[in-house]
């Protein structure tokens, strides 16, 4: 009798087909959005039936969530530990991610579209993005605290704003890059912004409010 706790093994062919569907979904939802993009579109791209997509993912909502998880997996695919690093190394990871995103416009487009749609009522990805931003703000905040300790800098009260600003700048630059890829350099602009924000925390300058108004 087989052990009831034995891990169910998924056949390589099944895994390959699932990834093929996910890649098609990234393109479809990136181009059409989660509302206009259909499972039939995804199925046509892969060369299977609508029922075939449902067989692998169960529903459109589950496929959307799997697309987001697939995007997260690509973020750590090249990391030795297979998870996002902490501390000051996190800032370098964010810069490397921005440069890597230049090579995967389809995933960036799908993420940008789905994140924008997630603010609408009852969007299946809303909880994902709420949790994602909460987690990332916490991790970036912790990285700032660790970096300040290493640099012998007393924690400024701007760290929370800086953490939110880094995430906002990265996502905002992705949008600009998708609209004007020949004008905006995603990696370089992201690196500049992250470096500027980190330096502003470590070596704060005068408040903008101290400047005289014209």
Protein backbone atom coordinates (compact mmCIF):
# COMPACT_ATOMS: atom_id res chain seq x y z
CA UNK A 1 0.00 0.00 0.00
CA UNK A 2 1.40 3.42 -0.93
CA UNK A 3 2.30 5.89 1.79
CA UNK A 4 -0.56 8.39 2.13
CA UNK A 5 2.00 11.19 2.77
CA UNK A 6 3.93 10.44 -0.40
CA UNK A 7 4.30 13.53 -2.58
CA UNK A 8 2.30 13.35 -5.76
CA UNK A 9 4.66 13.58 -8.69
CA UNK A 10 3.62 15.61 -11.69
CA UNK A 11 4.74 14.27 -15.03
CA UNK A 12 7.33 16.38 -16.90
CA UNK A 13 4.96 16.63 -19.86
CA UNK A 14 2.27 18.09 -17.59
CA UNK A 15 4.69 20.61 -16.10
CA UNK A 16 5.82 21.62 -19.58
CA UNK A 17 2.24 22.11 -20.74
CA UNK A 18 1.41 24.19 -17.66
CA UNK A 19 4.37 26.46 -18.30
CA UNK A 20 3.35 26.77 -21.94
CA UNK A 21 -0.13 27.86 -20.85
CA UNK A 22 1.31 30.32 -18.33
CA UNK A 23 3.55 31.92 -20.96
CA UNK A 24 0.57 32.26 -23.29
CA UNK A 25 -1.51 33.75 -20.48
CA UNK A 26 1.22 36.28 -19.72
CA UNK A 27 1.05 37.47 -23.32
CA UNK A 28 -2.75 37.43 -23.57
CA UNK A 29 -3.44 39.18 -20.26
CA UNK A 30 -0.58 41.59 -20.88
CA UNK A 31 -2.00 42.61 -24.26
CA UNK A 32 -5.72 42.47 -23.49
CA UNK A 33 -6.02 42.73 -19.72
CA UNK A 34 -7.65 40.23 -17.42
CA UNK A 35 -11.19 41.16 -18.47
CA UNK A 36 -10.85 41.13 -22.25
CA UNK A 37 -8.34 38.30 -22.36
CA UNK A 38 -10.14 34.96 -22.33
CA UNK A 39 -9.26 31.36 -21.66
CA UNK A 40 -10.19 30.69 -25.27
CA UNK A 41 -7.48 33.15 -26.34
CA UNK A 42 -4.97 31.33 -24.18
CA UNK A 43 -6.10 27.95 -25.48
CA UNK A 44 -5.80 29.05 -29.11
CA UNK A 45 -2.28 30.29 -28.50
CA UNK A 46 -1.24 26.96 -27.01
CA UNK A 47 -3.15 24.85 -29.51
CA UNK A 48 -5.46 23.15 -27.03
CA UNK A 49 -9.12 23.46 -26.11
CA UNK A 50 -10.75 25.73 -23.56
CA UNK A 51 -11.42 22.60 -21.52
CA UNK A 52 -7.72 21.76 -21.70
CA UNK A 53 -6.81 25.04 -19.98
CA UNK A 54 -9.44 24.37 -17.30
CA UNK A 55 -8.00 20.88 -16.80
CA UNK A 56 -4.65 22.39 -15.80
CA UNK A 57 -5.79 25.48 -13.87
CA UNK A 58 -9.45 25.02 -12.95
CA UNK A 59 -10.65 28.56 -13.63
CA UNK A 60 -9.63 31.88 -15.12
CA UNK A 61 -9.18 33.35 -11.64
CA UNK A 62 -6.77 30.57 -10.66
CA UNK A 63 -4.85 31.06 -13.91
CA UNK A 64 -4.52 34.79 -13.21
CA UNK A 65 -3.11 34.09 -9.77
CA UNK A 66 -0.74 31.50 -11.21
CA UNK A 67 0.48 34.08 -13.73
CA UNK A 68 1.39 36.37 -10.83
CA UNK A 69 3.17 33.54 -9.00
CA UNK A 70 4.99 32.66 -12.22
CA UNK A 71 6.22 36.26 -12.41
CA UNK A 72 7.53 36.02 -8.82
CA UNK A 73 9.36 32.79 -9.62
CA UNK A 74 11.21 34.45 -12.48
CA UNK A 75 12.44 37.13 -10.04
CA UNK A 76 14.41 34.56 -8.05
CA UNK A 77 15.18 32.05 -10.80
CA UNK A 78 18.85 33.08 -11.01
CA UNK A 79 19.42 33.44 -7.27
CA UNK A 80 21.41 30.70 -5.60
CA UNK A 81 19.13 30.60 -2.54
CA UNK A 82 15.93 30.91 -4.63
CA UNK A 83 14.52 33.64 -2.44
CA UNK A 84 14.77 37.43 -2.30
CA UNK A 85 17.75 38.48 -0.15
CA UNK A 86 17.46 40.76 2.84
CA UNK A 87 19.51 43.63 4.18
CA UNK A 88 21.53 45.93 1.91
CA UNK A 89 21.74 43.13 -0.67
CA UNK A 90 18.04 43.70 -1.29
CA UNK A 91 18.75 47.03 -2.98
CA UNK A 92 21.20 45.36 -5.36
CA UNK A 93 18.61 42.67 -6.06
CA UNK A 94 16.03 45.32 -6.97
CA UNK A 95 18.48 46.90 -9.41
CA UNK A 96 19.32 43.53 -10.96
CA UNK A 97 15.61 42.78 -11.29
CA UNK A 98 15.05 46.02 -13.21
CA UNK A 99 17.81 45.13 -15.67
CA UNK A 100 16.43 41.58 -15.99
CA UNK A 101 12.97 42.97 -16.73
CA UNK A 102 14.33 44.62 -19.86
CA UNK A 103 14.68 41.09 -21.27
CA UNK A 104 11.11 40.01 -20.44
CA UNK A 105 8.69 42.69 -21.62
CA UNK A 106 5.76 40.26 -21.75
CA UNK A 107 5.93 39.51 -18.03
CA UNK A 108 6.42 43.19 -17.20
CA UNK A 109 3.42 44.12 -19.33
CA UNK A 110 1.19 41.49 -17.72
CA UNK A 111 2.28 42.56 -14.23
CA UNK A 112 1.68 46.25 -15.01
CA UNK A 113 -1.77 45.61 -16.45
CA UNK A 114 -2.88 43.28 -13.65
CA UNK A 115 -1.52 45.53 -10.89
CA UNK A 116 -3.41 48.50 -12.33
CA UNK A 117 -6.62 46.48 -12.65
CA UNK A 118 -6.29 45.17 -9.09
CA UNK A 119 -7.61 48.43 -7.62
CA UNK A 120 -11.03 47.74 -9.18
CA UNK A 121 -13.82 46.05 -7.25
CA UNK A 122 -13.63 42.26 -6.81
CA UNK A 123 -10.48 41.86 -8.93
CA UNK A 124 -9.01 38.39 -8.24
CA UNK A 125 -5.50 39.83 -7.94
CA UNK A 126 -6.29 42.52 -5.37
CA UNK A 127 -5.32 40.46 -2.32
CA UNK A 128 -2.13 39.35 -4.07
CA UNK A 129 -1.03 42.93 -4.74
CA UNK A 130 -2.07 44.17 -1.28
CA UNK A 131 0.02 41.41 0.30
CA UNK A 132 2.87 41.99 -2.14
CA UNK A 133 3.20 45.70 -1.42
CA UNK A 134 2.84 45.15 2.32
CA UNK A 135 5.58 42.52 2.27
CA UNK A 136 7.91 44.51 0.02
CA UNK A 137 7.54 47.69 2.07
CA UNK A 138 8.37 45.71 5.19
CA UNK A 139 11.41 44.08 3.55
CA UNK A 140 12.75 47.34 2.11
CA UNK A 141 12.21 49.09 5.46
CA UNK A 142 14.17 46.33 7.22
CA UNK A 143 16.93 46.65 4.61
CA UNK A 144 17.15 50.39 5.30
CA UNK A 145 17.43 49.79 9.05
CA UNK A 146 20.23 47.28 8.50
CA UNK A 147 22.04 49.56 6.05
CA UNK A 148 21.83 52.52 8.43
CA UNK A 149 23.28 50.37 11.21
CA UNK A 150 26.18 49.31 9.00
CA UNK A 151 26.88 52.90 7.98
CA UNK A 152 26.65 54.16 11.55
CA UNK A 153 23.71 56.39 10.68
CA UNK A 154 20.86 56.96 13.07
CA UNK A 155 17.60 55.78 11.53
CA UNK A 156 15.90 58.82 9.98
CA UNK A 157 12.14 59.20 10.05
CA UNK A 158 12.07 59.07 6.24
CA UNK A 159 12.62 55.32 5.94
CA UNK A 160 8.93 54.41 5.54
CA UNK A 161 8.50 57.04 2.83
CA UNK A 162 11.69 55.87 1.12
CA UNK A 163 10.54 52.25 1.07
CA UNK A 164 7.22 53.19 -0.54
CA UNK A 165 8.99 55.53 -2.98
CA UNK A 166 11.38 52.84 -4.23
CA UNK A 167 8.49 50.51 -5.09
CA UNK A 168 6.51 53.33 -6.69
CA UNK A 169 9.45 54.46 -8.82
CA UNK A 170 10.20 50.92 -10.01
CA UNK A 171 6.60 50.24 -11.05
CA UNK A 172 6.18 53.70 -12.53
CA UNK A 173 9.32 53.35 -14.63
CA UNK A 174 8.04 50.01 -15.92
CA UNK A 175 4.95 51.79 -17.22
CA UNK A 176 7.02 54.53 -18.89
CA UNK A 177 9.34 51.93 -20.41
CA UNK A 178 6.44 49.95 -21.84
CA UNK A 179 5.05 53.11 -23.44
CA UNK A 180 8.39 54.50 -24.64
CA UNK A 181 10.97 51.67 -24.71
CA UNK A 182 13.25 53.66 -27.01
CA UNK A 183 13.33 56.63 -24.67
CA UNK A 184 13.33 55.22 -21.14
CA UNK A 185 16.07 52.80 -20.07
CA UNK A 186 14.39 50.66 -17.44
CA UNK A 187 17.52 49.30 -15.80
CA UNK A 188 19.54 52.50 -15.80
CA UNK A 189 16.68 54.74 -14.66
CA UNK A 190 15.71 52.30 -11.90
CA UNK A 191 19.30 52.07 -10.67
CA UNK A 192 19.58 55.88 -10.60
CA UNK A 193 16.33 56.25 -8.66
CA UNK A 194 17.12 53.53 -6.12
CA UNK A 195 20.62 54.92 -5.57
CA UNK A 196 19.22 58.45 -5.14
CA UNK A 197 16.61 57.34 -2.60
CA UNK A 198 19.11 55.26 -0.62
CA UNK A 199 21.57 58.17 -0.54
CA UNK A 200 18.80 60.53 0.54
CA UNK A 201 18.14 58.31 3.55
CA UNK A 202 21.81 57.93 4.47
CA UNK A 203 22.78 61.55 3.76
CA UNK A 204 19.61 63.66 3.87
CA UNK A 205 19.73 67.10 2.29
CA UNK A 206 17.66 70.19 3.09
CA UNK A 207 13.90 69.90 3.15
CA UNK A 208 12.16 71.08 0.00
CA UNK A 209 10.02 73.30 2.17
CA UNK A 210 13.14 75.32 3.08
CA UNK A 211 13.55 76.49 -0.50
CA UNK A 212 12.04 79.88 -1.26
CA UNK A 213 9.08 79.91 -3.59
CA UNK A 214 9.36 81.94 -6.80
